[in-house]
Amino acid sequence: MNKVRMQTDRAKIWKVIRAHKEEFTSADIEMLTDATYVNIKRYLKILADAGYLRKRRKPNLNGKGTHWVYRLVKNTGPKPPVQKDLRFLFDPNTNEYWVEDPETVIRRG
């Protein structure tokens, strides 16, 4: 998948996440965007690792197994945080980089 397509998908994912006032699942995002399941899961993981989402396990309705549910806890604005590298996330709303160590935040000049 090319970078332009991925950025467009992630912008759509971010917009849907920001619109959710309650918890949501990756399946909810998949139904509301044309992003791939893999892209959604990767983006949710990096957002959760960076502290933008809180996630928890919830039992499935059939009583068998669990699934992840997410809630947005750091809504910094309309522009989607952008994964710059496998270990970096850039938020254009705050000009901050999140680095793999969650205690490290780098502000851009």
Protein backbone atom coordinates (compact mmCIF):
# COMPACT_ATOMS: atom_id res chain seq x y z
CA MET A 1 0.00 0.00 0.00
CA ASN A 2 1.44 3.40 -0.88
CA LYS A 3 2.01 6.16 1.70
CA VAL A 4 -0.61 8.50 0.20
CA ARG A 5 -3.33 5.86 0.53
CA MET A 6 -2.24 4.97 4.08
CA GLN A 7 -2.29 8.62 5.17
CA THR A 8 -5.77 9.05 3.69
CA ASP A 9 -6.99 5.94 5.51
CA ARG A 10 -5.44 7.05 8.78
CA ALA A 11 -7.03 10.50 8.42
CA LYS A 12 -10.40 8.76 8.04
CA ILE A 13 -9.67 6.50 11.03
CA TRP A 14 -8.70 9.50 13.18
CA LYS A 15 -11.87 11.36 12.15
CA VAL A 16 -14.04 8.38 13.13
CA ILE A 17 -12.19 7.94 16.43
CA ARG A 18 -12.72 11.61 17.30
CA ALA A 19 -16.42 11.33 16.47
CA HIS A 20 -16.94 8.45 18.92
CA LYS A 21 -18.10 9.72 22.31
CA GLU A 22 -18.10 6.25 23.83
CA GLU A 23 -15.97 3.14 23.49
CA PHE A 24 -15.42 1.61 20.07
CA THR A 25 -13.83 -1.45 18.51
CA SER A 26 -11.65 -1.96 15.46
CA ALA A 27 -14.73 -3.47 13.79
CA ASP A 28 -16.61 -0.18 14.33
CA ILE A 29 -13.80 1.69 12.57
CA GLU A 30 -13.71 -0.88 9.77
CA MET A 31 -17.46 -0.44 9.14
CA LEU A 32 -17.15 3.35 8.94
CA THR A 33 -14.03 3.61 6.75
CA ASP A 34 -12.61 1.77 3.79
CA ALA A 35 -9.32 1.21 5.62
CA THR A 36 -7.97 -2.32 5.85
CA TYR A 37 -8.23 -4.31 9.07
CA VAL A 38 -4.42 -4.50 9.31
CA ASN A 39 -4.00 -0.74 8.90
CA ILE A 40 -6.71 -0.07 11.52
CA LYS A 41 -5.15 -2.44 14.05
CA ARG A 42 -1.66 -0.98 13.53
CA TYR A 43 -2.88 2.59 13.91
CA LEU A 44 -4.95 1.79 17.01
CA LYS A 45 -1.92 0.11 18.56
CA ILE A 46 0.42 3.05 17.96
CA LEU A 47 -2.22 5.50 19.24
CA ALA A 48 -2.77 3.39 22.36
CA ASP A 49 0.98 3.02 22.96
CA ALA A 50 1.38 6.81 22.60
CA GLY A 51 -1.38 7.49 25.13
CA TYR A 52 -4.08 8.75 22.74
CA LEU A 53 -6.35 5.76 23.36
CA ARG A 54 -7.18 3.73 26.44
CA LYS A 55 -7.91 0.09 25.69
CA ARG A 56 -9.39 -2.72 27.72
CA ARG A 57 -10.59 -6.26 27.20
CA LYS A 58 -14.33 -6.83 27.06
CA PRO A 59 -16.11 -10.21 27.00
CA ASN A 60 -17.72 -11.17 23.70
CA LEU A 61 -21.52 -11.21 23.61
CA ASN A 62 -21.55 -14.98 23.09
CA GLY A 63 -19.62 -15.44 26.35
CA LYS A 64 -16.65 -16.99 24.58
CA GLY A 65 -13.43 -15.01 24.56
CA THR A 66 -12.78 -11.27 24.67
CA HIS A 67 -12.05 -8.38 22.35
CA TRP A 68 -10.40 -4.97 22.70
CA VAL A 69 -12.48 -1.83 23.15
CA TYR A 70 -10.94 1.63 22.87
CA ARG A 71 -11.73 5.13 24.11
CA LEU A 72 -10.10 8.36 22.96
CA VAL A 73 -8.41 10.02 25.94
CA LYS A 74 -6.14 12.51 24.15
CA ASN A 75 -8.00 14.46 21.49
CA THR A 76 -5.45 16.98 20.22
CA GLY A 77 -7.30 18.21 17.14
CA PRO A 78 -8.51 17.33 13.65
CA LYS A 79 -5.18 16.43 12.05
CA PRO A 80 -4.30 12.76 12.52
CA PRO A 81 -1.13 11.95 14.43
CA VAL A 82 1.29 10.58 11.84
CA GLN A 83 3.57 7.61 12.31
CA LYS A 84 6.94 8.86 11.10
CA ASP A 85 8.85 5.64 11.68
CA LEU A 86 8.10 2.37 13.40
CA ARG A 87 9.04 4.03 16.69
CA PHE A 88 7.78 7.59 16.20
CA LEU A 89 4.42 9.31 16.02
CA PHE A 90 4.05 13.01 15.13
CA ASP A 91 1.03 15.06 16.19
CA PRO A 92 0.70 18.13 13.92
CA ASN A 93 -1.81 19.70 16.32
CA THR A 94 0.69 20.00 19.17
CA ASN A 95 3.98 19.74 17.22
CA GLU A 96 5.00 16.87 19.48
CA TYR A 97 6.73 13.62 18.63
CA TRP A 98 5.99 10.52 20.64
CA VAL A 99 8.97 8.20 20.84
CA GLU A 100 8.78 4.48 21.70
CA ASP A 101 9.61 5.30 25.34
CA PRO A 102 6.18 6.67 26.46
CA GLU A 103 7.86 9.10 28.90
CA THR A 104 9.66 10.85 26.03
CA VAL A 105 7.91 13.73 24.27
CA ILE A 106 9.91 15.91 21.91
CA ARG A 107 8.51 19.32 21.00
CA ARG A 108 9.42 20.61 17.59
CA GLY A 109 10.68 24.21 17.49
